[in-house]
Amino acid sequence: MADRRRVVGGMFMLTGLGLVLLVPPVVTLFNHDISIMGMPQIVVYLFGVWVLLIVGTVVLTRYLTPDTPDIAERQDEGDG
């Protein structure tokens, strides 16, 4: 399995990339009178970014290992 810190770092990078790709100055670069399969270019761009962010999140969470409780939490559970 991948190192947990690397996967979490990848998730932060994916979040930052999504933020950059969805800010208005970048989105307006795709606001032209071009249609792709009958849809405006900006709609295809926005839904494409949205789908890629979802797929990236799914791929990264496949490598994420479950949290293990800290030693103090395990000891507290044993006391009660």
N, C-alpha and C. Protein backbone atom coordinates (compact mmCIF):
# COMPACT_ATOMS: atom_id res chain seq x y z
N MET A 1 0.84 -1.20 0.00
CA MET A 1 0.00 0.00 0.00
C MET A 1 0.87 1.25 0.00
N ALA A 2 0.31 2.31 -0.50
CA ALA A 2 1.02 3.58 -0.56
C ALA A 2 1.08 4.21 0.83
N ASP A 3 2.08 5.06 1.01
CA ASP A 3 2.22 5.78 2.27
C ASP A 3 1.04 6.73 2.44
N ARG A 4 0.44 6.72 3.62
CA ARG A 4 -0.75 7.52 3.89
C ARG A 4 -0.50 9.02 3.65
N ARG A 5 0.68 9.50 4.04
CA ARG A 5 0.98 10.92 3.87
C ARG A 5 1.03 11.31 2.39
N ARG A 6 1.53 10.42 1.56
CA ARG A 6 1.60 10.72 0.13
C ARG A 6 0.20 10.79 -0.48
N VAL A 7 -0.67 9.87 -0.07
CA VAL A 7 -2.03 9.87 -0.60
C VAL A 7 -2.78 11.12 -0.15
N VAL A 8 -2.64 11.48 1.13
CA VAL A 8 -3.29 12.70 1.62
C VAL A 8 -2.73 13.92 0.91
N GLY A 9 -1.42 13.94 0.68
CA GLY A 9 -0.83 15.03 -0.09
C GLY A 9 -1.38 15.10 -1.51
N GLY A 10 -1.58 13.93 -2.11
CA GLY A 10 -2.19 13.89 -3.44
C GLY A 10 -3.61 14.43 -3.43
N MET A 11 -4.34 14.17 -2.35
CA MET A 11 -5.71 14.69 -2.24
C MET A 11 -5.70 16.21 -2.11
N PHE A 12 -4.74 16.75 -1.34
CA PHE A 12 -4.63 18.20 -1.26
C PHE A 12 -4.26 18.80 -2.61
N MET A 13 -3.38 18.14 -3.34
CA MET A 13 -3.00 18.64 -4.67
C MET A 13 -4.20 18.58 -5.63
N LEU A 14 -4.99 17.51 -5.53
CA LEU A 14 -6.19 17.40 -6.37
C LEU A 14 -7.18 18.51 -6.04
N THR A 15 -7.33 18.81 -4.76
CA THR A 15 -8.22 19.90 -4.34
C THR A 15 -7.72 21.24 -4.89
N GLY A 16 -6.42 21.48 -4.78
CA GLY A 16 -5.85 22.72 -5.31
C GLY A 16 -6.00 22.83 -6.81
N LEU A 17 -5.78 21.72 -7.51
CA LEU A 17 -5.95 21.71 -8.96
C LEU A 17 -7.40 22.00 -9.33
N GLY A 18 -8.34 21.39 -8.60
CA GLY A 18 -9.76 21.65 -8.86
C GLY A 18 -10.11 23.10 -8.63
N LEU A 19 -9.54 23.68 -7.58
CA LEU A 19 -9.77 25.10 -7.30
C LEU A 19 -9.26 25.98 -8.44
N VAL A 20 -8.06 25.69 -8.91
CA VAL A 20 -7.47 26.49 -9.99
C VAL A 20 -8.27 26.33 -11.28
N LEU A 21 -8.72 25.11 -11.56
CA LEU A 21 -9.45 24.87 -12.81
C LEU A 21 -10.87 25.44 -12.80
N LEU A 22 -11.41 25.75 -11.61
CA LEU A 22 -12.79 26.22 -11.53
C LEU A 22 -12.92 27.69 -11.16
N VAL A 23 -11.81 28.43 -11.05
CA VAL A 23 -11.93 29.86 -10.77
C VAL A 23 -12.36 30.58 -12.05
N PRO A 24 -13.11 31.66 -11.90
CA PRO A 24 -13.67 32.33 -13.08
C PRO A 24 -12.67 32.75 -14.17
N PRO A 25 -11.46 33.23 -13.85
CA PRO A 25 -10.58 33.59 -14.98
C PRO A 25 -10.22 32.41 -15.87
N VAL A 26 -10.07 31.22 -15.29
CA VAL A 26 -9.73 30.05 -16.11
C VAL A 26 -10.98 29.55 -16.84
N VAL A 27 -12.10 29.55 -16.17
CA VAL A 27 -13.34 29.06 -16.79
C VAL A 27 -13.73 29.93 -17.98
N THR A 28 -13.52 31.24 -17.89
CA THR A 28 -13.91 32.13 -18.99
C THR A 28 -13.05 31.91 -20.23
N LEU A 29 -11.92 31.24 -20.10
CA LEU A 29 -11.12 30.91 -21.30
C LEU A 29 -11.88 29.95 -22.21
N PHE A 30 -12.84 29.23 -21.66
CA PHE A 30 -13.61 28.26 -22.43
C PHE A 30 -15.01 28.76 -22.78
N ASN A 31 -15.26 30.04 -22.62
CA ASN A 31 -16.57 30.63 -22.91
C ASN A 31 -16.57 31.20 -24.33
N HIS A 32 -16.64 30.30 -25.31
CA HIS A 32 -16.66 30.70 -26.72
C HIS A 32 -17.93 30.16 -27.37
N ASP A 33 -18.22 30.65 -28.56
CA ASP A 33 -19.40 30.19 -29.29
C ASP A 33 -19.11 28.90 -30.05
N ILE A 34 -18.53 27.96 -29.35
CA ILE A 34 -18.23 26.65 -29.93
C ILE A 34 -19.11 25.63 -29.21
N SER A 35 -19.71 24.75 -29.98
CA SER A 35 -20.51 23.70 -29.34
C SER A 35 -19.92 22.34 -29.66
N ILE A 36 -19.92 21.48 -28.66
CA ILE A 36 -19.42 20.13 -28.80
C ILE A 36 -20.61 19.21 -28.56
N MET A 37 -21.00 18.49 -29.59
CA MET A 37 -22.18 17.61 -29.55
C MET A 37 -23.42 18.38 -29.09
N GLY A 38 -23.55 19.62 -29.52
CA GLY A 38 -24.72 20.43 -29.21
C GLY A 38 -24.67 21.17 -27.89
N MET A 39 -23.60 21.00 -27.12
CA MET A 39 -23.47 21.69 -25.84
C MET A 39 -22.39 22.76 -25.94
N PRO A 40 -22.60 23.88 -25.27
CA PRO A 40 -21.57 24.92 -25.28
C PRO A 40 -20.25 24.40 -24.69
N GLN A 41 -19.16 24.95 -25.19
CA GLN A 41 -17.84 24.51 -24.77
C GLN A 41 -17.64 24.66 -23.25
N ILE A 42 -18.17 25.72 -22.66
CA ILE A 42 -17.98 25.95 -21.23
C ILE A 42 -18.67 24.86 -20.40
N VAL A 43 -19.81 24.38 -20.85
CA VAL A 43 -20.53 23.32 -20.13
C VAL A 43 -19.72 22.02 -20.20
N VAL A 44 -19.19 21.71 -21.36
CA VAL A 44 -18.37 20.50 -21.51
C VAL A 44 -17.14 20.60 -20.61
N TYR A 45 -16.51 21.77 -20.56
CA TYR A 45 -15.35 21.97 -19.71
C TYR A 45 -15.69 21.78 -18.23
N LEU A 46 -16.75 22.42 -17.77
CA LEU A 46 -17.10 22.34 -16.35
C LEU A 46 -17.45 20.91 -15.93
N PHE A 47 -18.25 20.22 -16.74
CA PHE A 47 -18.60 18.85 -16.40
C PHE A 47 -17.39 17.92 -16.55
N GLY A 48 -16.51 18.20 -17.49
CA GLY A 48 -15.29 17.41 -17.64
C GLY A 48 -14.39 17.54 -16.43
N VAL A 49 -14.20 18.75 -15.94
CA VAL A 49 -13.40 18.96 -14.73
C VAL A 49 -14.05 18.28 -13.55
N TRP A 50 -15.35 18.41 -13.43
CA TRP A 50 -16.10 17.80 -12.33
C TRP A 50 -15.91 16.28 -12.33
N VAL A 51 -16.06 15.65 -13.49
CA VAL A 51 -15.90 14.20 -13.59
C VAL A 51 -14.46 13.79 -13.29
N LEU A 52 -13.48 14.54 -13.78
CA LEU A 52 -12.09 14.21 -13.51
C LEU A 52 -11.75 14.32 -12.03
N LEU A 53 -12.33 15.30 -11.34
CA LEU A 53 -12.10 15.43 -9.90
C LEU A 53 -12.71 14.25 -9.14
N ILE A 54 -13.87 13.80 -9.57
CA ILE A 54 -14.50 12.64 -8.93
C ILE A 54 -13.67 11.38 -9.18
N VAL A 55 -13.24 11.17 -10.40
CA VAL A 55 -12.44 9.99 -10.73
C VAL A 55 -11.10 10.03 -9.97
N GLY A 56 -10.48 11.20 -9.90
CA GLY A 56 -9.24 11.33 -9.15
C GLY A 56 -9.42 11.02 -7.68
N THR A 57 -10.53 11.47 -7.11
CA THR A 57 -10.82 11.18 -5.71
C THR A 57 -11.03 9.69 -5.49
N VAL A 58 -11.74 9.04 -6.38
CA VAL A 58 -11.98 7.60 -6.26
C VAL A 58 -10.65 6.84 -6.34
N VAL A 59 -9.80 7.21 -7.28
CA VAL A 59 -8.52 6.53 -7.43
C VAL A 59 -7.66 6.73 -6.19
N LEU A 60 -7.60 7.95 -5.66
CA LEU A 60 -6.78 8.20 -4.49
C LEU A 60 -7.32 7.50 -3.24
N THR A 61 -8.63 7.44 -3.09
CA THR A 61 -9.17 6.78 -1.90
C THR A 61 -8.98 5.27 -1.95
N ARG A 62 -8.78 4.70 -3.12
CA ARG A 62 -8.48 3.26 -3.21
C ARG A 62 -7.14 2.95 -2.53
N TYR A 63 -6.20 3.90 -2.56
CA TYR A 63 -4.89 3.70 -1.96
C TYR A 63 -4.83 4.11 -0.49
N LEU A 64 -5.88 4.71 0.01
CA LEU A 64 -5.89 5.22 1.38
C LEU A 64 -6.19 4.08 2.35
N THR A 65 -5.31 3.90 3.32
CA THR A 65 -5.53 2.86 4.32
C THR A 65 -6.42 3.39 5.43
N PRO A 66 -7.17 2.53 6.11
CA PRO A 66 -8.05 3.01 7.19
C PRO A 66 -7.22 3.56 8.35
N ASP A 67 -7.82 4.49 9.08
CA ASP A 67 -7.17 5.05 10.27
C ASP A 67 -7.05 3.97 11.34
N THR A 68 -5.94 4.00 12.04
CA THR A 68 -5.80 3.13 13.20
C THR A 68 -5.85 4.00 14.44
N PRO A 69 -6.52 3.56 15.48
CA PRO A 69 -6.62 4.39 16.68
C PRO A 69 -5.25 4.56 17.34
N ASP A 70 -5.05 5.71 17.97
CA ASP A 70 -3.82 5.97 18.69
C ASP A 70 -3.73 5.05 19.90
N ILE A 71 -2.53 4.93 20.44
CA ILE A 71 -2.32 4.08 21.61
C ILE A 71 -3.16 4.55 22.79
N ALA A 72 -3.26 5.87 23.00
CA ALA A 72 -4.04 6.41 24.11
C ALA A 72 -5.52 6.06 23.94
N GLU A 73 -6.03 6.11 22.72
CA GLU A 73 -7.43 5.77 22.48
C GLU A 73 -7.68 4.30 22.75
N ARG A 74 -6.73 3.44 22.38
CA ARG A 74 -6.89 2.01 22.63
C ARG A 74 -6.87 1.71 24.12
N GLN A 75 -6.03 2.42 24.86
CA GLN A 75 -5.97 2.20 26.30
C GLN A 75 -7.25 2.67 26.98
N ASP A 76 -7.82 3.80 26.52
CA ASP A 76 -9.07 4.31 27.08
C ASP A 76 -10.20 3.32 26.86
N GLU A 77 -10.23 2.68 25.70
CA GLU A 77 -11.28 1.72 25.43
C GLU A 77 -11.16 0.49 26.33
N GLY A 78 -9.92 0.12 26.68
CA GLY A 78 -9.72 -1.03 27.54
C GLY A 78 -10.08 -0.76 28.97
N ASP A 79 -10.02 0.52 29.41
CA ASP A 79 -10.34 0.88 30.78
C ASP A 79 -11.84 0.86 31.04
N GLY A 80 -12.62 1.15 30.04
CA GLY A 80 -14.06 1.35 30.23
C GLY A 80 -14.78 0.09 30.16
